[in-house]
C-alpha atoms as a PDB file:
ATOM      1  CA  UNK A   1     -25.034   4.751 -16.887  1.00  0.00           C
ATOM      2  CA  UNK A   2     -22.530   2.089 -15.756  1.00  0.00           C
ATOM      3  CA  UNK A   3     -18.944   1.956 -14.607  1.00  0.00           C
ATOM      4  CA  UNK A   4     -17.205  -1.246 -15.704  1.00  0.00           C
ATOM      5  CA  UNK A   5     -13.585  -2.018 -14.958  1.00  0.00           C
ATOM      6  CA  UNK A   6     -11.454  -5.044 -15.785  1.00  0.00           C
ATOM      7  CA  UNK A   7      -8.183  -5.157 -13.864  1.00  0.00           C
ATOM      8  CA  UNK A   8      -5.322  -7.600 -14.165  1.00  0.00           C
ATOM      9  CA  UNK A   9      -2.917  -7.012 -11.277  1.00  0.00           C
ATOM     10  CA  UNK A  10       0.060  -8.796  -9.753  1.00  0.00           C
ATOM     11  CA  UNK A  11      -0.805 -11.322  -7.052  1.00  0.00           C
ATOM     12  CA  UNK A  12       0.614  -9.228  -4.217  1.00  0.00           C
ATOM     13  CA  UNK A  13      -0.623  -7.500  -1.106  1.00  0.00           C
ATOM     14  CA  UNK A  14      -0.282  -3.996  -2.616  1.00  0.00           C
ATOM     15  CA  UNK A  15      -2.890  -4.828  -5.271  1.00  0.00           C
ATOM     16  CA  UNK A  16      -5.657  -5.156  -2.667  1.00  0.00           C
ATOM     17  CA  UNK A  17      -5.908  -1.509  -1.501  1.00  0.00           C
ATOM     18  CA  UNK A  18      -5.616  -0.314  -5.110  1.00  0.00           C
ATOM     19  CA  UNK A  19      -8.666  -2.358  -6.134  1.00  0.00           C
ATOM     20  CA  UNK A  20     -10.535  -1.218  -3.048  1.00  0.00           C
ATOM     21  CA  UNK A  21      -9.929   2.462  -3.910  1.00  0.00           C
ATOM     22  CA  UNK A  22     -11.164   1.926  -7.469  1.00  0.00           C
ATOM     23  CA  UNK A  23     -14.364   0.340  -6.153  1.00  0.00           C
ATOM     24  CA  UNK A  24     -14.859   3.252  -3.752  1.00  0.00           C
ATOM     25  CA  UNK A  25     -14.492   5.733  -6.634  1.00  0.00           C
ATOM     26  CA  UNK A  26     -16.933   3.805  -8.842  1.00  0.00           C
ATOM     27  CA  UNK A  27     -19.511   3.687  -6.042  1.00  0.00           C
ATOM     28  CA  UNK A  28     -19.078   7.421  -5.402  1.00  0.00           C
ATOM     29  CA  UNK A  29     -20.145   8.152  -8.997  1.00  0.00           C
ATOM     30  CA  UNK A  30     -23.576   6.758  -8.069  1.00  0.00           C
ATOM     31  CA  UNK A  31     -23.664   8.216  -4.532  1.00  0.00           C
ATOM     32  CA  UNK A  32     -24.050   4.737  -3.049  1.00  0.00           C
ATOM     33  CA  UNK A  33     -24.887   4.646   0.656  1.00  0.00           C
ATOM     34  CA  UNK A  34     -21.724   4.556   2.764  1.00  0.00           C
ATOM     35  CA  UNK A  35     -22.701   1.404   4.672  1.00  0.00           C
ATOM     36  CA  UNK A  36     -23.440  -0.489   1.441  1.00  0.00           C
ATOM     37  CA  UNK A  37     -20.132   0.720   0.010  1.00  0.00           C
ATOM     38  CA  UNK A  38     -18.227  -0.425   3.088  1.00  0.00           C
ATOM     39  CA  UNK A  39     -19.854  -3.873   2.879  1.00  0.00           C
ATOM     40  CA  UNK A  40     -18.737  -4.192  -0.737  1.00  0.00           C
ATOM     41  CA  UNK A  41     -15.230  -2.964   0.067  1.00  0.00           C
ATOM     42  CA  UNK A  42     -14.868  -5.559   2.818  1.00  0.00           C
ATOM     43  CA  UNK A  43     -16.178  -8.351   0.573  1.00  0.00           C
ATOM     44  CA  UNK A  44     -13.836  -7.296  -2.245  1.00  0.00           C
ATOM     45  CA  UNK A  45     -10.896  -7.061   0.139  1.00  0.00           C
ATOM     46  CA  UNK A  46     -11.565 -10.570   1.446  1.00  0.00           C
ATOM     47  CA  UNK A  47     -11.892 -12.022  -2.063  1.00  0.00           C
ATOM     48  CA  UNK A  48      -8.636 -10.416  -3.196  1.00  0.00           C
ATOM     49  CA  UNK A  49      -6.820 -11.337   0.018  1.00  0.00           C
ATOM     50  CA  UNK A  50      -7.852 -14.973  -0.504  1.00  0.00           C
ATOM     51  CA  UNK A  51      -6.159 -14.942  -3.912  1.00  0.00           C
ATOM     52  CA  UNK A  52      -3.014 -13.347  -2.488  1.00  0.00           C
ATOM     53  CA  UNK A  53      -2.844 -15.849   0.402  1.00  0.00           C
ATOM     54  CA  UNK A  54      -4.127 -19.071  -1.121  1.00  0.00           C
ATOM     55  CA  UNK A  55      -3.945 -19.114  -4.935  1.00  0.00           C
ATOM     56  CA  UNK A  56      -0.928 -21.389  -5.253  1.00  0.00           C
ATOM     57  CA  UNK A  57       0.729 -21.080  -8.631  1.00  0.00           C
ATOM     58  CA  UNK A  58      -1.154 -17.912  -9.613  1.00  0.00           C
ATOM     59  CA  UNK A  59       0.833 -14.975 -10.913  1.00  0.00           C
ATOM     60  CA  UNK A  60      -2.029 -12.503 -11.207  1.00  0.00           C
ATOM     61  CA  UNK A  61      -5.256 -11.319  -9.676  1.00  0.00           C
ATOM     62  CA  UNK A  62      -8.092 -10.426 -12.033  1.00  0.00           C
ATOM     63  CA  UNK A  63     -10.979  -8.225 -10.892  1.00  0.00           C
ATOM     64  CA  UNK A  64     -14.079  -7.186 -12.807  1.00  0.00           C
ATOM     65  CA  UNK A  65     -16.241  -4.444 -11.324  1.00  0.00           C
ATOM     66  CA  UNK A  66     -19.607  -3.603 -12.831  1.00  0.00           C
ATOM     67  CA  UNK A  67     -21.379  -0.778 -11.011  1.00  0.00           C
ATOM     68  CA  UNK A  68     -24.743   0.621 -12.021  1.00  0.00           C
ATOM     69  CA  UNK A  69     -27.344   2.843 -10.436  1.00  0.00           C
ATOM     70  CA  UNK A  70     -28.971   0.033  -8.474  1.00  0.00           C
ATOM     71  CA  UNK A  71     -26.410  -2.765  -8.114  1.00  0.00           C
ATOM     72  CA  UNK A  72     -22.796  -3.811  -8.188  1.00  0.00           C
ATOM     73  CA  UNK A  73     -21.401  -7.107  -9.479  1.00  0.00           C
ATOM     74  CA  UNK A  74     -17.848  -8.214  -8.759  1.00  0.00           C
ATOM     75  CA  UNK A  75     -15.750 -11.101 -10.068  1.00  0.00           C
ATOM     76  CA  UNK A  76     -12.373 -11.948  -8.566  1.00  0.00           C
ATOM     77  CA  UNK A  77     -10.380 -14.663 -10.290  1.00  0.00           C
ATOM     78  CA  UNK A  78      -6.917 -16.161 -10.495  1.00  0.00           C
ATOM     79  CA  UNK A  79      -4.988 -18.609 -12.656  1.00  0.00           C
ATOM     80  CA  UNK A  80      -3.747 -20.760  -9.780  1.00  0.00           C
ATOM     81  CA  UNK A  81      -4.114 -24.387  -8.758  1.00  0.00           C
ATOM     82  CA  UNK A  82      -7.754 -24.063  -7.692  1.00  0.00           C
ATOM     83  CA  UNK A  83      -9.543 -25.417  -4.633  1.00  0.00           C
ATOM     84  CA  UNK A  84     -12.463 -27.669  -3.763  1.00  0.00           C
ATOM     85  CA  UNK A  85     -15.328 -25.141  -3.696  1.00  0.00           C
ATOM     86  CA  UNK A  86     -17.708 -27.754  -2.231  1.00  0.00           C
ATOM     87  CA  UNK A  87     -15.403 -28.293   0.745  1.00  0.00           C
ATOM     88  CA  UNK A  88     -15.462 -24.630   1.818  1.00  0.00           C
ATOM     89  CA  UNK A  89     -17.546 -24.338   4.987  1.00  0.00           C
ATOM     90  CA  UNK A  90     -18.277 -21.557   7.402  1.00  0.00           C
ATOM     91  CA  UNK A  91     -15.399 -20.937   9.785  1.00  0.00           C
ATOM     92  CA  UNK A  92     -15.193 -22.283  13.282  1.00  0.00           C
ATOM     93  CA  UNK A  93     -16.153 -19.530  15.753  1.00  0.00           C
ATOM     94  CA  UNK A  94     -12.761 -19.559  17.452  1.00  0.00           C
ATOM     95  CA  UNK A  95     -10.740 -19.659  14.248  1.00  0.00           C
ATOM     96  CA  UNK A  96      -8.528 -16.708  13.400  1.00  0.00           C
ATOM     97  CA  UNK A  97      -8.514 -17.692   9.721  1.00  0.00           C
ATOM     98  CA  UNK A  98     -11.095 -18.856   7.228  1.00  0.00           C
ATOM     99  CA  UNK A  99     -13.594 -16.037   7.701  1.00  0.00           C
ATOM    100  CA  UNK A 100     -13.158 -14.421   4.280  1.00  0.00           C
ATOM    101  CA  UNK A 101     -15.754 -16.457   2.390  1.00  0.00           C
ATOM    102  CA  UNK A 102     -18.115 -16.271   5.360  1.00  0.00           C
ATOM    103  CA  UNK A 103     -17.860 -12.451   5.298  1.00  0.00           C
ATOM    104  CA  UNK A 104     -18.368 -12.307   1.541  1.00  0.00           C
ATOM    105  CA  UNK A 105     -21.539 -14.388   1.880  1.00  0.00           C
ATOM    106  CA  UNK A 106     -22.783 -12.270   4.785  1.00  0.00           C
ATOM    107  CA  UNK A 107     -22.121  -8.893   3.140  1.00  0.00           C
ATOM    108  CA  UNK A 108     -23.243  -9.576  -0.434  1.00  0.00           C
ATOM    109  CA  UNK A 109     -25.749 -11.499  -2.554  1.00  0.00           C
ATOM    110  CA  UNK A 110     -25.691 -14.133  -5.306  1.00  0.00           C
ATOM    111  CA  UNK A 111     -22.324 -15.497  -4.223  1.00  0.00           C
ATOM    112  CA  UNK A 112     -20.946 -18.148  -6.557  1.00  0.00           C
ATOM    113  CA  UNK A 113     -17.597 -19.903  -6.527  1.00  0.00           C
ATOM    114  CA  UNK A 114     -15.960 -21.902  -9.290  1.00  0.00           C
ATOM    115  CA  UNK A 115     -12.642 -23.650  -9.291  1.00  0.00           C
ATOM    116  CA  UNK A 116     -10.949 -25.830 -11.861  1.00  0.00           C
ATOM    117  CA  UNK A 117      -7.803 -27.753 -10.929  1.00  0.00           C
ATOM    118  CA  UNK A 118      -4.695 -26.150 -12.478  1.00  0.00           C
ATOM    119  CA  UNK A 119      -6.837 -23.519 -14.236  1.00  0.00           C
ATOM    120  CA  UNK A 120      -7.817 -21.204 -11.400  1.00  0.00           C
ATOM    121  CA  UNK A 121     -10.710 -19.981  -9.333  1.00  0.00           C
ATOM    122  CA  UNK A 122     -13.475 -17.414  -9.551  1.00  0.00           C
ATOM    123  CA  UNK A 123     -15.730 -15.868  -6.936  1.00  0.00           C
ATOM    124  CA  UNK A 124     -18.687 -13.784  -8.049  1.00  0.00           C
ATOM    125  CA  UNK A 125     -20.841 -11.667  -5.775  1.00  0.00           C
ATOM    126  CA  UNK A 126     -23.326  -8.845  -6.093  1.00  0.00           C
ATOM    127  CA  UNK A 127     -25.127  -6.280  -4.012  1.00  0.00           C
ATOM    128  CA  UNK A 128     -28.264  -4.348  -4.848  1.00  0.00           C
ATOM    129  CA  UNK A 129     -28.787  -0.832  -3.576  1.00  0.00           C
ATOM    130  CA  UNK A 130     -31.327   1.933  -3.923  1.00  0.00           C
ATOM    131  CA  UNK A 131     -30.499   4.477  -6.578  1.00  0.00           C
ATOM    132  CA  UNK A 132     -29.594   7.869  -5.091  1.00  0.00           C
ATOM    133  CA  UNK A 133     -31.321  10.906  -6.540  1.00  0.00           C
END
């Protein structure tokens, strides 16, 4: 069994908790460990918040959730101006900003970023978990 969702939401702050709740519900179907679920919620929140804050020119936030018994894959994309994915580094320790991508990398697996000027950006990440019985 799988739960797959494709959401196209306005690029606004109120979209972030809505997506987070949907992820929580999808993970609950599979009785995913609470700590694993919280890691995914934080990573998803950071990815969506980055679109809301930084996706200049974007009018929407697109999220794809694919949850199965042993893993979750998430894509967050926008139709904004894009960014230089190669220039994104880990944040400076004292910085108050710039920790979103660092957290996503720390809390998930198989993180990939794509960005095309004037066509938008995509971040993909996954997390494996033990199937609950």
